[in-house]
Structure formats: C-alpha cells, structure tokens
Amino acid sequence: MRGKVTETLLTADQIQKRVAELGAQINEDYKDTELFGVCLLKGSIIFCADLVRHLTIPVRVDVMRASSYGGGTESSGSVKILQDLDVDISGKDVLIIEDIVDTGRTLHRTLELLSVRHPSSLKVCSLLDKPSRRVVDVDIAYTGFTIEDKFVIGYGLDYDEYFRNLPYIGVLDPNG
C-alpha cells in the first residue's frame, strides 16, 4: 500500500449528519413517487448504503460501474462503462448516487447513457463536488460537500483500491 493520510477533511460525524440531511431532502422531493437509485461503483457503495437507509419513500437500487481513473490520482480522460444496469429505467424517477464529481467526465458519460433510456426524471446526488477540476458541466441536484482540489480517500473513495474502509474522508499524499 502506498500513500499516507495527511489530514482529515470530513469527520465521520460530519458525513453522517450531511447524509441524513440529504436523505430528508430527497424524501421531501420524491414524496409522491417511487425512486430508482443508481449506485456508481465502487466508490459510492458506502455513501449509497447510508443514504438509502435514510429514505422513507419507496426506493429500488441497482448498480453501475464506470471508471476514468485506473490506479492513479488523475482522471485518464477516457471513461469506460464496466458494468451496466440490469433493470429497464424507462418511465422511472432515477437518482444517480455518486461519491465525487471531479472532472465531470464519468458522470457526464453516465448521464448520456441513461438519458436515452427515457427515465421520467434523471438527477444526481453526489457526496462530494470538486468544481475547480470540472472539465465537463454536469448538474448536481444534491451535493453533500463542496471541496477544494485535493485527492481524497475514505468513506468509499480509494487510492489504488486502498483506504475505502476509512469512516472519514482524508487527504492523501500518494508519496507519503
């Protein structure tokens, strides 16, 4: 394992409080409908699990896996869909559940792919937003935290598949 956590950006308590707030807002916004959540693997799995436990509305969840990072700390610029949905989303209110929006490439490609399947609505909930790195504009309906341009790990986010298990979000020095 390479790298070292240099600082705690968001504590476990801060994250859990904000996830509960996001869940309450989503419950209100979708109170008259059934929601279909799309968890973007692998980084969003912990956030998705915590978020859906705060939902009191009818919700179904499926997973997609897309990647633009590989094993590095910079987006490669090339987005690959590694696993697609198993369910038809036409006519459904779809919420993409994402861990972090960085360049926007992966999310933009995912939105393109899902929008042609004719969902009733298609929105994004992202735990983290890093707008200073944005290359492609994407609309995020629900944002947990806006962060600076730092490489972050923990709470599902990784570096070369390590650090996902941290209950907080930390800043990584990959050379530490």
Protein backbone atom coordinates (compact mmCIF):
# COMPACT_ATOMS: atom_id res chain seq x y z
CA MET A 1 0.00 0.00 0.00
CA ARG A 2 1.29 3.41 -0.95
CA GLY A 3 0.33 6.76 0.43
CA LYS A 4 -0.41 8.44 3.71
CA VAL A 5 -3.36 10.42 5.04
CA THR A 6 -2.12 13.95 5.72
CA GLU A 7 -5.30 15.46 7.14
CA THR A 8 -8.93 14.68 7.95
CA LEU A 9 -11.11 16.72 5.63
CA LEU A 10 -14.51 15.49 6.89
CA THR A 11 -15.12 13.54 10.07
CA ALA A 12 -17.40 10.52 10.26
CA ASP A 13 -19.89 12.60 12.28
CA GLN A 14 -19.92 15.41 9.71
CA ILE A 15 -20.54 12.91 6.92
CA GLN A 16 -23.35 11.09 8.74
CA LYS A 17 -25.10 14.36 9.61
CA ARG A 18 -24.99 15.54 6.00
CA VAL A 19 -26.12 12.17 4.61
CA ALA A 20 -29.17 12.33 6.90
CA GLU A 21 -29.93 15.86 5.64
CA LEU A 22 -29.64 14.71 2.02
CA GLY A 23 -31.97 11.79 2.75
CA ALA A 24 -34.56 14.14 4.28
CA GLN A 25 -34.43 16.43 1.23
CA ILE A 26 -34.77 13.51 -1.19
CA ASN A 27 -37.72 12.15 0.84
CA GLU A 28 -39.43 15.51 0.51
CA ASP A 29 -38.70 15.93 -3.19
CA TYR A 30 -39.85 12.41 -4.11
CA LYS A 31 -42.64 12.03 -1.54
CA ASP A 32 -45.27 11.27 -4.18
CA THR A 33 -43.29 8.80 -6.27
CA GLU A 34 -41.08 5.75 -6.22
CA LEU A 35 -37.35 6.36 -6.63
CA PHE A 36 -34.87 4.28 -8.56
CA GLY A 37 -31.32 4.77 -7.25
CA VAL A 38 -28.26 4.02 -9.36
CA CYS A 39 -25.18 3.45 -7.23
CA LEU A 40 -21.98 4.13 -9.17
CA LEU A 41 -19.46 1.52 -8.08
CA LYS A 42 -17.13 1.15 -6.44
CA GLY A 43 -16.61 4.41 -4.59
CA SER A 44 -20.27 5.22 -3.94
CA ILE A 45 -21.24 1.98 -2.26
CA ILE A 46 -20.82 3.16 1.33
CA PHE A 47 -22.49 6.50 0.65
CA CYS A 48 -25.35 4.78 -1.19
CA ALA A 49 -25.91 2.28 1.63
CA ASP A 50 -26.02 5.04 4.24
CA LEU A 51 -28.21 7.32 2.10
CA VAL A 52 -30.90 4.75 1.27
CA ARG A 53 -31.22 3.87 4.96
CA HIS A 54 -32.44 7.45 5.46
CA LEU A 55 -35.07 7.17 2.74
CA THR A 56 -38.65 6.56 3.83
CA ILE A 57 -40.05 6.64 0.29
CA PRO A 58 -40.26 3.52 -1.87
CA VAL A 59 -36.80 3.01 -3.39
CA ARG A 60 -35.13 0.40 -5.56
CA VAL A 61 -31.37 0.35 -6.16
CA ASP A 62 -29.20 -1.08 -8.91
CA VAL A 63 -25.50 -0.58 -9.62
CA MET A 64 -23.34 0.63 -12.47
CA ARG A 65 -19.59 0.68 -12.67
CA ALA A 66 -17.77 3.32 -14.66
CA SER A 67 -14.15 4.39 -14.43
CA SER A 68 -11.79 7.07 -15.67
CA TYR A 69 -9.00 6.72 -13.10
CA GLY A 70 -7.35 3.31 -13.21
CA GLY A 71 -4.74 3.24 -10.45
CA GLY A 72 -3.69 6.89 -10.45
CA THR A 73 -4.71 10.14 -8.84
CA GLU A 74 -5.65 11.88 -12.11
CA SER A 75 -8.55 11.14 -14.43
CA SER A 76 -7.36 9.45 -17.62
CA GLY A 77 -9.93 11.35 -19.67
CA SER A 78 -11.28 8.09 -21.06
CA VAL A 79 -14.48 6.81 -19.47
CA LYS A 80 -15.26 3.10 -19.50
CA ILE A 81 -18.61 1.57 -18.53
CA LEU A 82 -17.56 -1.64 -16.81
CA GLN A 83 -20.99 -2.79 -15.56
CA ASP A 84 -24.39 -1.65 -16.74
CA LEU A 85 -27.82 -1.71 -15.07
CA ASP A 86 -29.88 -4.90 -15.02
CA VAL A 87 -33.21 -3.03 -14.95
CA ASP A 88 -35.17 -1.02 -17.52
CA ILE A 89 -35.40 2.57 -16.24
CA SER A 90 -37.87 3.95 -18.77
CA GLY A 91 -40.58 5.95 -17.03
CA LYS A 92 -38.78 5.84 -13.67
CA ASP A 93 -37.55 8.68 -11.48
CA VAL A 94 -33.82 7.93 -11.43
CA LEU A 95 -31.27 9.28 -8.96
CA ILE A 96 -27.61 8.62 -9.67
CA ILE A 97 -25.73 8.24 -6.39
CA GLU A 98 -22.10 9.28 -6.83
CA ASP A 99 -19.17 9.58 -4.43
CA ILE A 100 -17.36 12.52 -6.04
CA VAL A 101 -17.71 14.71 -9.10
CA ASP A 102 -14.26 15.79 -10.22
CA THR A 103 -13.73 16.47 -13.94
CA GLY A 104 -17.35 15.51 -14.63
CA ARG A 105 -16.39 13.14 -17.46
CA THR A 106 -17.55 9.91 -15.83
CA LEU A 107 -20.82 11.40 -14.65
CA HIS A 108 -21.47 13.12 -17.99
CA ARG A 109 -20.98 9.84 -19.86
CA THR A 110 -23.23 8.02 -17.40
CA LEU A 111 -25.95 10.67 -17.76
CA GLU A 112 -25.75 10.38 -21.56
CA LEU A 113 -26.08 6.63 -21.39
CA LEU A 114 -29.06 6.70 -19.03
CA SER A 115 -30.94 9.63 -20.60
CA VAL A 116 -31.50 7.75 -23.87
CA ARG A 117 -33.32 5.07 -21.87
CA HIS A 118 -36.20 7.52 -21.26
CA PRO A 119 -36.40 7.85 -17.49
CA SER A 120 -39.20 10.07 -16.21
CA SER A 121 -36.53 12.14 -14.45
CA LEU A 122 -32.77 11.83 -14.05
CA LYS A 123 -30.92 13.61 -11.25
CA VAL A 124 -27.61 13.30 -9.42
CA CYS A 125 -26.77 13.10 -5.73
CA SER A 126 -23.04 13.38 -5.04
CA LEU A 127 -21.41 13.25 -1.64
CA LEU A 128 -18.51 15.42 -2.82
CA ASP A 129 -18.18 18.06 -5.52
CA LYS A 130 -14.82 19.39 -6.67
CA PRO A 131 -15.87 22.19 -9.10
CA SER A 132 -12.34 23.58 -9.58
CA ARG A 133 -11.47 20.43 -11.57
CA ARG A 134 -14.56 20.43 -13.79
CA VAL A 135 -13.90 19.83 -17.49
CA VAL A 136 -17.48 18.86 -18.43
CA ASP A 137 -20.52 20.66 -16.99
CA VAL A 138 -22.90 18.43 -15.06
CA ASP A 139 -25.91 19.34 -12.96
CA ILE A 140 -25.81 18.02 -9.40
CA ALA A 141 -29.22 18.23 -7.73
CA TYR A 142 -27.98 17.14 -4.28
CA THR A 143 -24.47 17.89 -3.05
CA GLY A 144 -23.09 16.74 0.28
CA PHE A 145 -19.95 18.85 0.42
CA THR A 146 -18.05 21.11 -1.97
CA ILE A 147 -14.31 20.55 -1.55
CA GLU A 148 -11.04 22.03 -2.79
CA ASP A 149 -8.75 20.37 -5.31
CA LYS A 150 -7.21 17.72 -3.07
CA PHE A 151 -7.00 13.98 -3.66
CA VAL A 152 -9.35 12.49 -1.08
CA ILE A 153 -9.83 8.97 0.19
CA GLY A 154 -12.03 7.19 2.72
CA TYR A 155 -15.76 6.52 3.09
CA GLY A 156 -15.64 4.50 -0.13
CA LEU A 157 -13.14 6.62 -2.05
CA ASP A 158 -9.87 4.89 -2.78
CA TYR A 159 -6.33 5.14 -3.99
CA ASP A 160 -5.38 2.01 -5.94
CA GLU A 161 -8.22 0.16 -4.11
CA TYR A 162 -6.92 1.06 -0.63
CA PHE A 163 -8.43 3.38 2.01
CA ARG A 164 -12.13 2.76 1.14
CA ASN A 165 -12.69 1.45 4.67
CA LEU A 166 -11.88 4.71 6.47
CA PRO A 167 -15.00 6.11 8.22
CA TYR A 168 -13.90 9.68 7.43
CA ILE A 169 -12.65 11.50 4.34
CA GLY A 170 -8.98 12.32 4.38
CA VAL A 171 -6.46 13.96 2.11
CA LEU A 172 -3.89 11.61 0.61
CA ASP A 173 -0.22 12.13 -0.08
CA PRO A 174 0.42 9.28 -2.54
CA ASN A 175 4.17 9.53 -1.94
CA GLY A 176 3.96 9.53 1.87
